[in-house]
Structure formats: structure tokens, C-alpha cells
Amino acid sequence: MSYFYILYSKSLNQYYIGHTSESLEERLRKHLSNHSGFTSKAKDWSVVYSEKFDSKSKAYLRELEVKKWKSRLRIEKLIQNSSAG
């Protein structure tokens, strides 16, 4: 099982978009650990959205699709619609 996911940091007021074949809990733990990279800037990341895929390549394609939007509004709408139901 693979996942496409969106993280949010309140302190940075920013989203991070990614994909993984690990569990979301393990991936988040790695984002919150000491490392270099974009998510190392904050320690308050949380998973605000995710989708499950049967292959890592499909999860990666979804990541690329959402990144191409280049629209915070559209990403927020995706998150809101998922929690509205």
C-alpha cells in the first residue's frame, strides 16, 4: 500500500505534499525527526489529507498532479472537501 499525503505546519503556515510506501505514521515520524530538508524547518507537521494507492507509482503521479496545481486555494479545498463528509 502506498500513500499520497499533505502535511501542514501551523508555525510556518505551509503545506508539504509527498508520497510514501511506508505507513503515514512512520513517514510523519521521519518528517518530525532531526534531518535536513524542507520539513526540518518546523516540528509541528501533521497529516491533514491522504489518499491510498495500490502502487507507489500511482501515489507519485497523484503527488505530481497536485503539485502542478500551484494553488494553495485548490489544495485547501481538497482538504476541506475530504473532512466535510
PDB file of N, CA and C in Angstrom:
ATOM      1  N   MET A   1       0.842  -1.188   0.000  1.00  0.00           N
ATOM      2  CA  MET A   1       0.000   0.000   0.000  1.00  0.00           C
ATOM      3  C   MET A   1       0.885   1.248   0.000  1.00  0.00           C
ATOM      4  N   SER A   2       0.533   2.223  -0.782  1.00  0.00           N
ATOM      5  CA  SER A   2       1.260   3.487  -0.844  1.00  0.00           C
ATOM      6  C   SER A   2       0.288   4.636  -0.612  1.00  0.00           C
ATOM      7  N   TYR A   3       0.836   5.771  -0.235  1.00  0.00           N
ATOM      8  CA  TYR A   3       0.001   6.926   0.106  1.00  0.00           C
ATOM      9  C   TYR A   3       0.503   8.195  -0.560  1.00  0.00           C
ATOM     10  N   PHE A   4      -0.443   9.015  -0.928  1.00  0.00           N
ATOM     11  CA  PHE A   4      -0.207  10.416  -1.291  1.00  0.00           C
ATOM     12  C   PHE A   4      -0.680  11.174  -0.060  1.00  0.00           C
ATOM     13  N   TYR A   5       0.085  12.167   0.386  1.00  0.00           N
ATOM     14  CA  TYR A   5      -0.314  12.858   1.610  1.00  0.00           C
ATOM     15  C   TYR A   5       0.032  14.349   1.567  1.00  0.00           C
ATOM     16  N   ILE A   6      -0.670  15.081   2.398  1.00  0.00           N
ATOM     17  CA  ILE A   6      -0.404  16.505   2.568  1.00  0.00           C
ATOM     18  C   ILE A   6      -0.205  16.753   4.058  1.00  0.00           C
ATOM     19  N   LEU A   7       0.904  17.398   4.385  1.00  0.00           N
ATOM     20  CA  LEU A   7       1.190  17.800   5.761  1.00  0.00           C
ATOM     21  C   LEU A   7       0.962  19.298   5.885  1.00  0.00           C
ATOM     22  N   TYR A   8       0.678  19.732   7.111  1.00  0.00           N
ATOM     23  CA  TYR A   8       0.530  21.167   7.369  1.00  0.00           C
ATOM     24  C   TYR A   8       1.297  21.536   8.627  1.00  0.00           C
ATOM     25  N   SER A   9       1.986  22.659   8.579  1.00  0.00           N
ATOM     26  CA  SER A   9       2.676  23.221   9.737  1.00  0.00           C
ATOM     27  C   SER A   9       2.019  24.545  10.082  1.00  0.00           C
ATOM     28  N   LYS A  10       1.461  24.618  11.281  1.00  0.00           N
ATOM     29  CA  LYS A  10       0.813  25.862  11.720  1.00  0.00           C
ATOM     30  C   LYS A  10       1.853  26.973  11.918  1.00  0.00           C
ATOM     31  N   SER A  11       3.013  26.624  12.468  1.00  0.00           N
ATOM     32  CA  SER A  11       4.038  27.648  12.735  1.00  0.00           C
ATOM     33  C   SER A  11       4.568  28.272  11.446  1.00  0.00           C
ATOM     34  N   LEU A  12       4.674  27.488  10.379  1.00  0.00           N
ATOM     35  CA  LEU A  12       5.133  28.009   9.089  1.00  0.00           C
ATOM     36  C   LEU A  12       3.972  28.457   8.208  1.00  0.00           C
ATOM     37  N   ASN A  13       2.758  28.015   8.547  1.00  0.00           N
ATOM     38  CA  ASN A  13       1.568  28.238   7.722  1.00  0.00           C
ATOM     39  C   ASN A  13       1.834  27.767   6.293  1.00  0.00           C
ATOM     40  N   GLN A  14       2.366  26.526   6.198  1.00  0.00           N
ATOM     41  CA  GLN A  14       2.705  25.964   4.899  1.00  0.00           C
ATOM     42  C   GLN A  14       2.287  24.509   4.812  1.00  0.00           C
ATOM     43  N   TYR A  15       2.086  24.065   3.563  1.00  0.00           N
ATOM     44  CA  TYR A  15       1.763  22.682   3.279  1.00  0.00           C
ATOM     45  C   TYR A  15       2.978  21.989   2.680  1.00  0.00           C
ATOM     46  N   TYR A  16       3.048  20.697   2.888  1.00  0.00           N
ATOM     47  CA  TYR A  16       4.068  19.862   2.259  1.00  0.00           C
ATOM     48  C   TYR A  16       3.331  18.705   1.588  1.00  0.00           C
ATOM     49  N   ILE A  17       3.650  18.429   0.350  1.00  0.00           N
ATOM     50  CA  ILE A  17       2.980  17.380  -0.422  1.00  0.00           C
ATOM     51  C   ILE A  17       3.990  16.279  -0.725  1.00  0.00           C
ATOM     52  N   GLY A  18       3.594  15.023  -0.459  1.00  0.00           N
ATOM     53  CA  GLY A  18       4.512  13.925  -0.701  1.00  0.00           C
ATOM     54  C   GLY A  18       3.799  12.615  -0.949  1.00  0.00           C
ATOM     55  N   HIS A  19       4.593  11.573  -1.126  1.00  0.00           N
ATOM     56  CA  HIS A  19       4.061  10.211  -1.265  1.00  0.00           C
ATOM     57  C   HIS A  19       5.013   9.255  -0.568  1.00  0.00           C
ATOM     58  N   THR A  20       4.512   8.083  -0.170  1.00  0.00           N
ATOM     59  CA  THR A  20       5.331   7.114   0.537  1.00  0.00           C
ATOM     60  C   THR A  20       4.749   5.720   0.404  1.00  0.00           C
ATOM     61  N   SER A  21       5.599   4.717   0.585  1.00  0.00           N
ATOM     62  CA  SER A  21       5.104   3.348   0.666  1.00  0.00           C
ATOM     63  C   SER A  21       5.173   2.859   2.113  1.00  0.00           C
ATOM     64  N   GLU A  22       5.624   3.733   3.009  1.00  0.00           N
ATOM     65  CA  GLU A  22       5.612   3.438   4.443  1.00  0.00           C
ATOM     66  C   GLU A  22       4.231   3.787   4.999  1.00  0.00           C
ATOM     67  N   SER A  23       3.998   3.432   6.255  1.00  0.00           N
ATOM     68  CA  SER A  23       2.759   3.881   6.891  1.00  0.00           C
ATOM     69  C   SER A  23       2.846   5.397   7.069  1.00  0.00           C
ATOM     70  N   LEU A  24       1.702   6.049   7.100  1.00  0.00           N
ATOM     71  CA  LEU A  24       1.698   7.515   7.275  1.00  0.00           C
ATOM     72  C   LEU A  24       2.310   7.902   8.615  1.00  0.00           C
ATOM     73  N   GLU A  25       2.073   7.082   9.641  1.00  0.00           N
ATOM     74  CA  GLU A  25       2.632   7.366  10.971  1.00  0.00           C
ATOM     75  C   GLU A  25       4.158   7.358  10.932  1.00  0.00           C
ATOM     76  N   GLU A  26       4.729   6.352  10.255  1.00  0.00           N
ATOM     77  CA  GLU A  26       6.187   6.261  10.155  1.00  0.00           C
ATOM     78  C   GLU A  26       6.749   7.403   9.324  1.00  0.00           C
ATOM     79  N   ARG A  27       6.088   7.740   8.242  1.00  0.00           N
ATOM     80  CA  ARG A  27       6.568   8.842   7.393  1.00  0.00           C
ATOM     81  C   ARG A  27       6.533  10.158   8.142  1.00  0.00           C
ATOM     82  N   LEU A  28       5.452  10.393   8.895  1.00  0.00           N
ATOM     83  CA  LEU A  28       5.364  11.626   9.685  1.00  0.00           C
ATOM     84  C   LEU A  28       6.466  11.658  10.739  1.00  0.00           C
ATOM     85  N   ARG A  29       6.724  10.518  11.378  1.00  0.00           N
ATOM     86  CA  ARG A  29       7.786  10.454  12.385  1.00  0.00           C
ATOM     87  C   ARG A  29       9.119  10.875  11.766  1.00  0.00           C
ATOM     88  N   LYS A  30       9.380  10.434  10.542  1.00  0.00           N
ATOM     89  CA  LYS A  30      10.633  10.809   9.876  1.00  0.00           C
ATOM     90  C   LYS A  30      10.668  12.298   9.533  1.00  0.00           C
ATOM     91  N   HIS A  31       9.525  12.859   9.149  1.00  0.00           N
ATOM     92  CA  HIS A  31       9.481  14.304   8.872  1.00  0.00           C
ATOM     93  C   HIS A  31       9.747  15.110  10.142  1.00  0.00           C
ATOM     94  N   LEU A  32       9.332  14.577  11.281  1.00  0.00           N
ATOM     95  CA  LEU A  32       9.494  15.297  12.548  1.00  0.00           C
ATOM     96  C   LEU A  32      10.848  15.044  13.203  1.00  0.00           C
ATOM     97  N   SER A  33      11.611  14.082  12.698  1.00  0.00           N
ATOM     98  CA  SER A  33      12.917  13.767  13.276  1.00  0.00           C
ATOM     99  C   SER A  33      13.957  14.791  12.819  1.00  0.00           C
ATOM    100  N   ASN A  34      15.142  14.694  13.415  1.00  0.00           N
ATOM    101  CA  ASN A  34      16.224  15.595  13.016  1.00  0.00           C
ATOM    102  C   ASN A  34      16.763  15.166  11.659  1.00  0.00           C
ATOM    103  N   HIS A  35      16.587  16.007  10.673  1.00  0.00           N
ATOM    104  CA  HIS A  35      17.056  15.745   9.321  1.00  0.00           C
ATOM    105  C   HIS A  35      17.205  17.082   8.602  1.00  0.00           C
ATOM    106  N   SER A  36      17.802  17.044   7.431  1.00  0.00           N
ATOM    107  CA  SER A  36      17.861  18.265   6.642  1.00  0.00           C
ATOM    108  C   SER A  36      16.810  18.143   5.560  1.00  0.00           C
ATOM    109  N   GLY A  37      16.287  19.246   5.123  1.00  0.00           N
ATOM    110  CA  GLY A  37      15.243  19.227   4.119  1.00  0.00           C
ATOM    111  C   GLY A  37      14.145  20.203   4.486  1.00  0.00           C
ATOM    112  N   PHE A  38      13.177  20.332   3.616  1.00  0.00           N
ATOM    113  CA  PHE A  38      12.112  21.324   3.796  1.00  0.00           C
ATOM    114  C   PHE A  38      11.383  21.163   5.115  1.00  0.00           C
ATOM    115  N   THR A  39      11.015  19.932   5.472  1.00  0.00           N
ATOM    116  CA  THR A  39      10.207  19.745   6.685  1.00  0.00           C
ATOM    117  C   THR A  39      11.016  19.871   7.971  1.00  0.00           C
ATOM    118  N   SER A  40      12.325  20.021   7.872  1.00  0.00           N
ATOM    119  CA  SER A  40      13.133  20.204   9.084  1.00  0.00           C
ATOM    120  C   SER A  40      12.954  21.595   9.680  1.00  0.00           C
ATOM    121  N   LYS A  41      12.317  22.508   8.938  1.00  0.00           N
ATOM    122  CA  LYS A  41      12.125  23.886   9.393  1.00  0.00           C
ATOM    123  C   LYS A  41      11.135  24.000  10.550  1.00  0.00           C
ATOM    124  N   ALA A  42      10.312  22.965  10.760  1.00  0.00           N
ATOM    125  CA  ALA A  42       9.297  23.018  11.815  1.00  0.00           C
ATOM    126  C   ALA A  42       9.124  21.636  12.423  1.00  0.00           C
ATOM    127  N   LYS A  43       8.603  21.598  13.636  1.00  0.00           N
ATOM    128  CA  LYS A  43       8.368  20.324  14.326  1.00  0.00           C
ATOM    129  C   LYS A  43       6.895  20.138  14.654  1.00  0.00           C
ATOM    130  N   ASP A  44       6.029  20.854  13.945  1.00  0.00           N
ATOM    131  CA  ASP A  44       4.589  20.743  14.225  1.00  0.00           C
ATOM    132  C   ASP A  44       3.796  20.248  13.015  1.00  0.00           C
ATOM    133  N   TRP A  45       4.447  19.468  12.143  1.00  0.00           N
ATOM    134  CA  TRP A  45       3.758  18.936  10.967  1.00  0.00           C
ATOM    135  C   TRP A  45       2.698  17.933  11.389  1.00  0.00           C
ATOM    136  N   SER A  46       1.572  17.964  10.695  1.00  0.00           N
ATOM    137  CA  SER A  46       0.536  16.953  10.911  1.00  0.00           C
ATOM    138  C   SER A  46      -0.064  16.577   9.566  1.00  0.00           C
ATOM    139  N   VAL A  47      -0.534  15.343   9.465  1.00  0.00           N
ATOM    140  CA  VAL A  47      -1.157  14.870   8.231  1.00  0.00           C
ATOM    141  C   VAL A  47      -2.570  15.448   8.182  1.00  0.00           C
ATOM    142  N   VAL A  48      -2.849  16.245   7.158  1.00  0.00           N
ATOM    143  CA  VAL A  48      -4.181  16.853   7.029  1.00  0.00           C
ATOM    144  C   VAL A  48      -4.984  16.227   5.891  1.00  0.00           C
ATOM    145  N   TYR A  49      -4.308  15.400   5.060  1.00  0.00           N
ATOM    146  CA  TYR A  49      -5.004  14.763   3.947  1.00  0.00           C
ATOM    147  C   TYR A  49      -4.174  13.585   3.457  1.00  0.00           C
ATOM    148  N   SER A  50      -4.858  12.523   3.058  1.00  0.00           N
ATOM    149  CA  SER A  50      -4.147  11.391   2.449  1.00  0.00           C
ATOM    150  C   SER A  50      -5.079  10.607   1.547  1.00  0.00           C
ATOM    151  N   GLU A  51      -4.472   9.928   0.591  1.00  0.00           N
ATOM    152  CA  GLU A  51      -5.174   9.013  -0.305  1.00  0.00           C
ATOM    153  C   GLU A  51      -4.347   7.741  -0.389  1.00  0.00           C
ATOM    154  N   LYS A  52      -5.034   6.593  -0.462  1.00  0.00           N
ATOM    155  CA  LYS A  52      -4.388   5.289  -0.539  1.00  0.00           C
ATOM    156  C   LYS A  52      -4.304   4.824  -1.991  1.00  0.00           C
ATOM    157  N   PHE A  53      -3.166   4.223  -2.354  1.00  0.00           N
ATOM    158  CA  PHE A  53      -2.971   3.698  -3.705  1.00  0.00           C
ATOM    159  C   PHE A  53      -2.389   2.299  -3.631  1.00  0.00           C
ATOM    160  N   ASP A  54      -2.630   1.497  -4.674  1.00  0.00           N
ATOM    161  CA  ASP A  54      -2.103   0.134  -4.675  1.00  0.00           C
ATOM    162  C   ASP A  54      -0.677   0.049  -5.215  1.00  0.00           C
ATOM    163  N   SER A  55      -0.133   1.176  -5.678  1.00  0.00           N
ATOM    164  CA  SER A  55       1.269   1.183  -6.109  1.00  0.00           C
ATOM    165  C   SER A  55       1.909   2.536  -5.803  1.00  0.00           C
ATOM    166  N   LYS A  56       3.214   2.500  -5.588  1.00  0.00           N
ATOM    167  CA  LYS A  56       3.949   3.729  -5.294  1.00  0.00           C
ATOM    168  C   LYS A  56       3.927   4.675  -6.491  1.00  0.00           C
ATOM    169  N   SER A  57       3.950   4.110  -7.694  1.00  0.00           N
ATOM    170  CA  SER A  57       3.956   4.955  -8.892  1.00  0.00           C
ATOM    171  C   SER A  57       2.652   5.739  -9.023  1.00  0.00           C
ATOM    172  N   LYS A  58       1.522   5.148  -8.659  1.00  0.00           N
ATOM    173  CA  LYS A  58       0.243   5.862  -8.719  1.00  0.00           C
ATOM    174  C   LYS A  58       0.197   6.976  -7.667  1.00  0.00           C
ATOM    175  N   ALA A  59       0.737   6.711  -6.481  1.00  0.00           N
ATOM    176  CA  ALA A  59       0.794   7.731  -5.431  1.00  0.00           C
ATOM    177  C   ALA A  59       1.677   8.892  -5.887  1.00  0.00           C
ATOM    178  N   TYR A  60       2.787   8.568  -6.549  1.00  0.00           N
ATOM    179  CA  TYR A  60       3.700   9.598  -7.047  1.00  0.00           C
ATOM    180  C   TYR A  60       3.047  10.437  -8.145  1.00  0.00           C
ATOM    181  N   LEU A  61       2.305   9.794  -9.024  1.00  0.00           N
ATOM    182  CA  LEU A  61       1.601  10.540 -10.076  1.00  0.00           C
ATOM    183  C   LEU A  61       0.586  11.504  -9.467  1.00  0.00           C
ATOM    184  N   ARG A  62      -0.090  11.072  -8.403  1.00  0.00           N
ATOM    185  CA  ARG A  62      -1.054  11.955  -7.727  1.00  0.00           C
ATOM    186  C   ARG A  62      -0.325  13.138  -7.086  1.00  0.00           C
ATOM    187  N   GLU A  63       0.835  12.878  -6.494  1.00  0.00           N
ATOM    188  CA  GLU A  63       1.641  13.959  -5.914  1.00  0.00           C
ATOM    189  C   GLU A  63       1.989  14.992  -6.983  1.00  0.00           C
ATOM    190  N   LEU A  64       2.462  14.526  -8.131  1.00  0.00           N
ATOM    191  CA  LEU A  64       2.831  15.439  -9.218  1.00  0.00           C
ATOM    192  C   LEU A  64       1.624  16.221  -9.713  1.00  0.00           C
ATOM    193  N   GLU A  65       0.473  15.541  -9.806  1.00  0.00           N
ATOM    194  CA  GLU A  65      -0.753  16.199 -10.263  1.00  0.00           C
ATOM    195  C   GLU A  65      -1.125  17.367  -9.344  1.00  0.00           C
ATOM    196  N   VAL A  66      -1.098  17.134  -8.038  1.00  0.00           N
ATOM    197  CA  VAL A  66      -1.483  18.184  -7.086  1.00  0.00           C
ATOM    198  C   VAL A  66      -0.433  19.290  -7.066  1.00  0.00           C
ATOM    199  N   LYS A  67       0.843  18.938  -7.148  1.00  0.00           N
ATOM    200  CA  LYS A  67       1.895  19.967  -7.167  1.00  0.00           C
ATOM    201  C   LYS A  67       1.765  20.870  -8.391  1.00  0.00           C
ATOM    202  N   LYS A  68       1.315  20.320  -9.504  1.00  0.00           N
ATOM    203  CA  LYS A  68       1.150  21.118 -10.729  1.00  0.00           C
ATOM    204  C   LYS A  68       0.056  22.173 -10.584  1.00  0.00           C
ATOM    205  N   TRP A  69      -0.862  21.959  -9.654  1.00  0.00           N
ATOM    206  CA  TRP A  69      -1.919  22.958  -9.434  1.00  0.00           C
ATOM    207  C   TRP A  69      -1.313  24.305  -9.058  1.00  0.00           C
ATOM    208  N   LYS A  70      -0.245  24.281  -8.273  1.00  0.00           N
ATOM    209  CA  LYS A  70       0.392  25.502  -7.770  1.00  0.00           C
ATOM    210  C   LYS A  70      -0.643  26.457  -7.174  1.00  0.00           C
ATOM    211  N   SER A  71      -1.590  25.886  -6.437  1.00  0.00           N
ATOM    212  CA  SER A  71      -2.686  26.683  -5.892  1.00  0.00           C
ATOM    213  C   SER A  71      -2.996  26.264  -4.459  1.00  0.00           C
ATOM    214  N   ARG A  72      -2.657  27.138  -3.523  1.00  0.00           N
ATOM    215  CA  ARG A  72      -2.972  26.875  -2.121  1.00  0.00           C
ATOM    216  C   ARG A  72      -4.479  26.744  -1.926  1.00  0.00           C
ATOM    217  N   LEU A  73      -5.240  27.591  -2.633  1.00  0.00           N
ATOM    218  CA  LEU A  73      -6.701  27.558  -2.526  1.00  0.00           C
ATOM    219  C   LEU A  73      -7.256  26.199  -2.940  1.00  0.00           C
ATOM    220  N   ARG A  74      -6.760  25.673  -4.026  1.00  0.00           N
ATOM    221  CA  ARG A  74      -7.240  24.380  -4.529  1.00  0.00           C
ATOM    222  C   ARG A  74      -6.865  23.240  -3.570  1.00  0.00           C
ATOM    223  N   ILE A  75      -5.673  23.314  -2.991  1.00  0.00           N
ATOM    224  CA  ILE A  75      -5.236  22.315  -2.009  1.00  0.00           C
ATOM    225  C   ILE A  75      -6.127  22.389  -0.767  1.00  0.00           C
ATOM    226  N   GLU A  76      -6.398  23.592  -0.298  1.00  0.00           N
ATOM    227  CA  GLU A  76      -7.265  23.758   0.879  1.00  0.00           C
ATOM    228  C   GLU A  76      -8.672  23.276   0.616  1.00  0.00           C
ATOM    229  N   LYS A  77      -9.142  23.467  -0.611  1.00  0.00           N
ATOM    230  CA  LYS A  77     -10.466  22.981  -0.984  1.00  0.00           C
ATOM    231  C   LYS A  77     -10.504  21.445  -0.956  1.00  0.00           C
ATOM    232  N   LEU A  78      -9.456  20.813  -1.453  1.00  0.00           N
ATOM    233  CA  LEU A  78      -9.325  19.354  -1.423  1.00  0.00           C
ATOM    234  C   LEU A  78      -9.410  18.850   0.014  1.00  0.00           C
ATOM    235  N   ILE A  79      -8.670  19.494   0.911  1.00  0.00           N
ATOM    236  CA  ILE A  79      -8.641  19.103   2.324  1.00  0.00           C
ATOM    237  C   ILE A  79     -10.020  19.310   2.965  1.00  0.00           C
ATOM    238  N   GLN A  80     -10.629  20.460   2.712  1.00  0.00           N
ATOM    239  CA  GLN A  80     -11.950  20.765   3.279  1.00  0.00           C
ATOM    240  C   GLN A  80     -13.007  19.778   2.796  1.00  0.00           C
ATOM    241  N   ASN A  81     -12.992  19.454   1.515  1.00  0.00           N
ATOM    242  CA  ASN A  81     -13.989  18.535   0.962  1.00  0.00           C
ATOM    243  C   ASN A  81     -13.843  17.128   1.547  1.00  0.00           C
ATOM    244  N   SER A  82     -12.634  16.748   1.893  1.00  0.00           N
ATOM    245  CA  SER A  82     -12.414  15.411   2.446  1.00  0.00           C
ATOM    246  C   SER A  82     -12.917  15.312   3.882  1.00  0.00           C
ATOM    247  N   SER A  83     -12.864  16.421   4.609  1.00  0.00           N
ATOM    248  CA  SER A  83     -13.313  16.391   6.006  1.00  0.00           C
ATOM    249  C   SER A  83     -14.766  16.822   6.158  1.00  0.00           C
ATOM    250  N   ALA A  84     -15.385  17.270   5.083  1.00  0.00           N
ATOM    251  CA  ALA A  84     -16.779  17.732   5.141  1.00  0.00           C
ATOM    252  C   ALA A  84     -17.754  16.559   5.203  1.00  0.00           C
ATOM    253  N   GLY A  85     -17.346  15.403   4.675  1.00  0.00           N
ATOM    254  CA  GLY A  85     -18.246  14.264   4.612  1.00  0.00           C
ATOM    255  C   GLY A  85     -18.088  13.402   5.792  1.00  0.00           C
TER     256      GLY A  85
END
